[in-house]
Amino acid sequence: MRATSILPQGDWPATGTITLDYDHRHRRRIRLRTDAGADLLLDLAETTHIRDGDGLDCGADGIIRVIAAAEPLAALTGPPELLIRLAWHLGNRHLDVAFRGTSLLIRADHVIEAMVTGLGGTVTHSNAAFDPESGAYAHDHA
């Protein structure tokens, strides 16, 4: 199968599913395997951020629904002035960050977590889908 475009979340009929972590949901071209074990070539015109629930349009082979895999995450919390400082440090390191309420959410990273606690922040771990901000210059379909 070959997917050449992404369909945003919708009510289209899926012919299968594929579970992908964030790194595999931010691609242009890569060989993948569906949850049922079928080979799939993701072959997009440009790098795209594929979101949970989107569809990989495989033409006559159907649409494969994307499921965002759970990943080890770290929620960083603290007073607002510390969160601003932490956001600067994360951005300075070009780390992907999601925002959840008053938390900065990153993929678990013991070095960054040590920095956060050293600056007085709190780190809480979980396993969940990671869907970070795309950035000001992204051309995502969302």
C-alpha atoms as a PDB file:
ATOM      1  CA  MET A   1       0.000   0.000   0.000  1.00  0.00           C
ATOM      2  CA  ARG A   2       1.057   3.578  -0.625  1.00  0.00           C
ATOM      3  CA  ALA A   3      -0.367   6.614   1.187  1.00  0.00           C
ATOM      4  CA  THR A   4       0.113   9.897  -0.649  1.00  0.00           C
ATOM      5  CA  SER A   5      -2.178  12.205   1.314  1.00  0.00           C
ATOM      6  CA  ILE A   6      -3.626  12.751   4.775  1.00  0.00           C
ATOM      7  CA  LEU A   7      -7.323  13.052   5.538  1.00  0.00           C
ATOM      8  CA  PRO A   8      -8.161  15.088   8.662  1.00  0.00           C
ATOM      9  CA  GLN A   9     -10.210  13.341  11.356  1.00  0.00           C
ATOM     10  CA  GLY A  10     -13.627  12.570   9.991  1.00  0.00           C
ATOM     11  CA  ASP A  11     -16.398  10.079   9.407  1.00  0.00           C
ATOM     12  CA  TRP A  12     -14.774   8.401   6.413  1.00  0.00           C
ATOM     13  CA  PRO A  13     -14.725   4.579   6.522  1.00  0.00           C
ATOM     14  CA  ALA A  14     -11.365   3.197   7.614  1.00  0.00           C
ATOM     15  CA  THR A  15     -10.145  -0.093   6.177  1.00  0.00           C
ATOM     16  CA  GLY A  16      -7.541  -0.512   8.917  1.00  0.00           C
ATOM     17  CA  THR A  17      -5.478   1.196  11.595  1.00  0.00           C
ATOM     18  CA  ILE A  18      -1.859   2.034  12.264  1.00  0.00           C
ATOM     19  CA  THR A  19      -0.474   2.966  15.691  1.00  0.00           C
ATOM     20  CA  LEU A  20       2.408   5.447  15.558  1.00  0.00           C
ATOM     21  CA  ASP A  21       4.472   7.403  18.071  1.00  0.00           C
ATOM     22  CA  TYR A  22       5.112  11.110  17.522  1.00  0.00           C
ATOM     23  CA  ASP A  23       8.345  10.591  15.571  1.00  0.00           C
ATOM     24  CA  HIS A  24       6.518   8.357  13.083  1.00  0.00           C
ATOM     25  CA  ARG A  25       3.600  10.829  12.859  1.00  0.00           C
ATOM     26  CA  HIS A  26       5.842  13.687  11.706  1.00  0.00           C
ATOM     27  CA  ARG A  27       7.244  12.400   8.435  1.00  0.00           C
ATOM     28  CA  ARG A  28       7.320  12.743   4.693  1.00  0.00           C
ATOM     29  CA  ARG A  29       8.444   9.333   3.512  1.00  0.00           C
ATOM     30  CA  ILE A  30       8.870   6.124   5.482  1.00  0.00           C
ATOM     31  CA  ARG A  31       8.005   2.430   5.324  1.00  0.00           C
ATOM     32  CA  LEU A  32       5.492   1.456   7.993  1.00  0.00           C
ATOM     33  CA  ARG A  33       3.416  -1.559   8.995  1.00  0.00           C
ATOM     34  CA  THR A  34      -0.308  -1.385   9.791  1.00  0.00           C
ATOM     35  CA  ASP A  35      -1.708  -2.888  12.971  1.00  0.00           C
ATOM     36  CA  ALA A  36      -2.854  -5.857  10.849  1.00  0.00           C
ATOM     37  CA  GLY A  37       0.706  -6.373   9.559  1.00  0.00           C
ATOM     38  CA  ALA A  38       0.367  -4.943   6.027  1.00  0.00           C
ATOM     39  CA  ASP A  39       3.285  -2.988   4.563  1.00  0.00           C
ATOM     40  CA  LEU A  40       2.571   0.691   3.930  1.00  0.00           C
ATOM     41  CA  LEU A  41       4.723   3.321   2.261  1.00  0.00           C
ATOM     42  CA  LEU A  42       4.004   6.830   3.523  1.00  0.00           C
ATOM     43  CA  ASP A  43       4.936   8.983   0.521  1.00  0.00           C
ATOM     44  CA  LEU A  44       3.874  12.598   1.076  1.00  0.00           C
ATOM     45  CA  ALA A  45       4.911  15.696  -0.879  1.00  0.00           C
ATOM     46  CA  GLU A  46       6.265  17.340   2.290  1.00  0.00           C
ATOM     47  CA  THR A  47       6.854  16.543   5.952  1.00  0.00           C
ATOM     48  CA  THR A  48       3.501  16.570   7.707  1.00  0.00           C
ATOM     49  CA  HIS A  49       2.355  16.360  11.324  1.00  0.00           C
ATOM     50  CA  ILE A  50      -0.147  13.502  11.314  1.00  0.00           C
ATOM     51  CA  ARG A  51      -2.584  13.657  14.217  1.00  0.00           C
ATOM     52  CA  ASP A  52      -4.484  11.005  16.137  1.00  0.00           C
ATOM     53  CA  GLY A  53      -7.594  10.082  14.139  1.00  0.00           C
ATOM     54  CA  ASP A  54      -6.283  11.292  10.781  1.00  0.00           C
ATOM     55  CA  GLY A  55      -6.433   8.962   7.805  1.00  0.00           C
ATOM     56  CA  LEU A  56      -3.706   7.814   5.446  1.00  0.00           C
ATOM     57  CA  ASP A  57      -5.314   7.815   1.999  1.00  0.00           C
ATOM     58  CA  CYS A  58      -4.098   4.715   0.177  1.00  0.00           C
ATOM     59  CA  GLY A  59      -6.307   5.207  -2.890  1.00  0.00           C
ATOM     60  CA  ALA A  60      -7.956   1.974  -4.024  1.00  0.00           C
ATOM     61  CA  ASP A  61      -6.499   0.187  -0.950  1.00  0.00           C
ATOM     62  CA  GLY A  62      -8.633   2.339   1.363  1.00  0.00           C
ATOM     63  CA  ILE A  63      -7.987   4.637   4.288  1.00  0.00           C
ATOM     64  CA  ILE A  64      -5.863   3.664   7.273  1.00  0.00           C
ATOM     65  CA  ARG A  65      -6.839   5.466  10.501  1.00  0.00           C
ATOM     66  CA  VAL A  66      -3.888   6.734  12.574  1.00  0.00           C
ATOM     67  CA  ILE A  67      -3.839   5.987  16.292  1.00  0.00           C
ATOM     68  CA  ALA A  68      -1.346   7.994  18.360  1.00  0.00           C
ATOM     69  CA  ALA A  69       0.717   5.598  20.470  1.00  0.00           C
ATOM     70  CA  ALA A  70       1.165   6.180  24.183  1.00  0.00           C
ATOM     71  CA  GLU A  71       4.673   7.389  25.016  1.00  0.00           C
ATOM     72  CA  PRO A  72       6.506   8.128  28.283  1.00  0.00           C
ATOM     73  CA  LEU A  73       5.833  11.799  29.003  1.00  0.00           C
ATOM     74  CA  ALA A  74       6.832  14.298  31.656  1.00  0.00           C
ATOM     75  CA  ALA A  75       4.512  17.108  32.771  1.00  0.00           C
ATOM     76  CA  LEU A  76       6.478  20.102  34.023  1.00  0.00           C
ATOM     77  CA  THR A  77       4.752  22.369  36.522  1.00  0.00           C
ATOM     78  CA  GLY A  78       5.551  25.278  38.777  1.00  0.00           C
ATOM     79  CA  PRO A  79       4.576  28.893  39.406  1.00  0.00           C
ATOM     80  CA  PRO A  80       3.921  31.011  36.274  1.00  0.00           C
ATOM     81  CA  GLU A  81       7.264  32.826  36.428  1.00  0.00           C
ATOM     82  CA  LEU A  82       9.089  29.471  36.527  1.00  0.00           C
ATOM     83  CA  LEU A  83       7.009  28.063  33.647  1.00  0.00           C
ATOM     84  CA  ILE A  84       8.042  31.042  31.516  1.00  0.00           C
ATOM     85  CA  ARG A  85      11.674  30.368  32.332  1.00  0.00           C
ATOM     86  CA  LEU A  86      11.265  26.627  31.634  1.00  0.00           C
ATOM     87  CA  ALA A  87       9.565  27.393  28.309  1.00  0.00           C
ATOM     88  CA  TRP A  88      12.586  29.483  27.340  1.00  0.00           C
ATOM     89  CA  HIS A  89      14.987  26.645  28.234  1.00  0.00           C
ATOM     90  CA  LEU A  90      12.918  24.096  26.292  1.00  0.00           C
ATOM     91  CA  GLY A  91      12.685  26.370  23.262  1.00  0.00           C
ATOM     92  CA  ASN A  92      16.402  27.111  23.437  1.00  0.00           C
ATOM     93  CA  ARG A  93      16.968  23.344  23.133  1.00  0.00           C
ATOM     94  CA  HIS A  94      14.411  23.078  20.290  1.00  0.00           C
ATOM     95  CA  LEU A  95      12.404  20.483  22.224  1.00  0.00           C
ATOM     96  CA  ASP A  96       8.889  19.575  21.169  1.00  0.00           C
ATOM     97  CA  VAL A  97       6.379  20.783  23.787  1.00  0.00           C
ATOM     98  CA  ALA A  98       2.646  20.314  24.272  1.00  0.00           C
ATOM     99  CA  PHE A  99       0.602  22.499  26.587  1.00  0.00           C
ATOM    100  CA  ARG A 100      -1.902  20.913  28.985  1.00  0.00           C
ATOM    101  CA  GLY A 101      -3.592  23.352  31.323  1.00  0.00           C
ATOM    102  CA  THR A 102      -0.813  24.851  33.431  1.00  0.00           C
ATOM    103  CA  SER A 103       1.743  22.157  32.487  1.00  0.00           C
ATOM    104  CA  LEU A 104       4.414  21.955  29.846  1.00  0.00           C
ATOM    105  CA  LEU A 105       4.402  18.418  28.450  1.00  0.00           C
ATOM    106  CA  ILE A 106       7.543  16.868  26.950  1.00  0.00           C
ATOM    107  CA  ARG A 107       8.707  13.368  26.144  1.00  0.00           C
ATOM    108  CA  ALA A 108      10.429  11.922  29.205  1.00  0.00           C
ATOM    109  CA  ASP A 109      14.075  13.029  29.311  1.00  0.00           C
ATOM    110  CA  HIS A 110      16.066  12.557  32.517  1.00  0.00           C
ATOM    111  CA  VAL A 111      18.510  15.372  31.695  1.00  0.00           C
ATOM    112  CA  ILE A 112      15.754  17.949  31.118  1.00  0.00           C
ATOM    113  CA  GLU A 113      13.815  16.660  34.123  1.00  0.00           C
ATOM    114  CA  ALA A 114      16.892  17.171  36.347  1.00  0.00           C
ATOM    115  CA  MET A 115      17.187  20.733  35.050  1.00  0.00           C
ATOM    116  CA  VAL A 116      13.495  21.366  35.813  1.00  0.00           C
ATOM    117  CA  THR A 117      13.715  20.086  39.383  1.00  0.00           C
ATOM    118  CA  GLY A 118      17.002  21.949  39.846  1.00  0.00           C
ATOM    119  CA  LEU A 119      15.219  25.172  38.940  1.00  0.00           C
ATOM    120  CA  GLY A 120      12.420  24.398  41.433  1.00  0.00           C
ATOM    121  CA  GLY A 121       9.841  22.831  39.121  1.00  0.00           C
ATOM    122  CA  THR A 122       7.913  19.614  39.541  1.00  0.00           C
ATOM    123  CA  VAL A 123       7.946  16.652  37.144  1.00  0.00           C
ATOM    124  CA  THR A 124       5.092  14.153  36.896  1.00  0.00           C
ATOM    125  CA  HIS A 125       5.300  11.110  34.611  1.00  0.00           C
ATOM    126  CA  SER A 126       2.569   9.504  32.514  1.00  0.00           C
ATOM    127  CA  ASN A 127       2.070   7.449  29.368  1.00  0.00           C
ATOM    128  CA  ALA A 128      -0.092   9.158  26.768  1.00  0.00           C
ATOM    129  CA  ALA A 129      -0.173  10.256  23.156  1.00  0.00           C
ATOM    130  CA  PHE A 130       2.182  13.171  22.472  1.00  0.00           C
ATOM    131  CA  ASP A 131       0.912  15.929  20.187  1.00  0.00           C
ATOM    132  CA  PRO A 132       3.165  18.981  20.550  1.00  0.00           C
ATOM    133  CA  GLU A 133       2.657  22.466  19.170  1.00  0.00           C
ATOM    134  CA  SER A 134       3.526  22.630  15.492  1.00  0.00           C
ATOM    135  CA  GLY A 135       5.272  25.976  15.525  1.00  0.00           C
ATOM    136  CA  ALA A 136       4.757  29.276  13.785  1.00  0.00           C
ATOM    137  CA  TYR A 137       6.096  28.131  10.417  1.00  0.00           C
ATOM    138  CA  ALA A 138       4.424  24.725  10.205  1.00  0.00           C
ATOM    139  CA  HIS A 139       2.223  23.879   7.247  1.00  0.00           C
ATOM    140  CA  ASP A 140       0.157  21.204   8.959  1.00  0.00           C
ATOM    141  CA  HIS A 141      -3.283  20.362   7.724  1.00  0.00           C
ATOM    142  CA  ALA A 142      -4.773  21.125  11.158  1.00  0.00           C
END
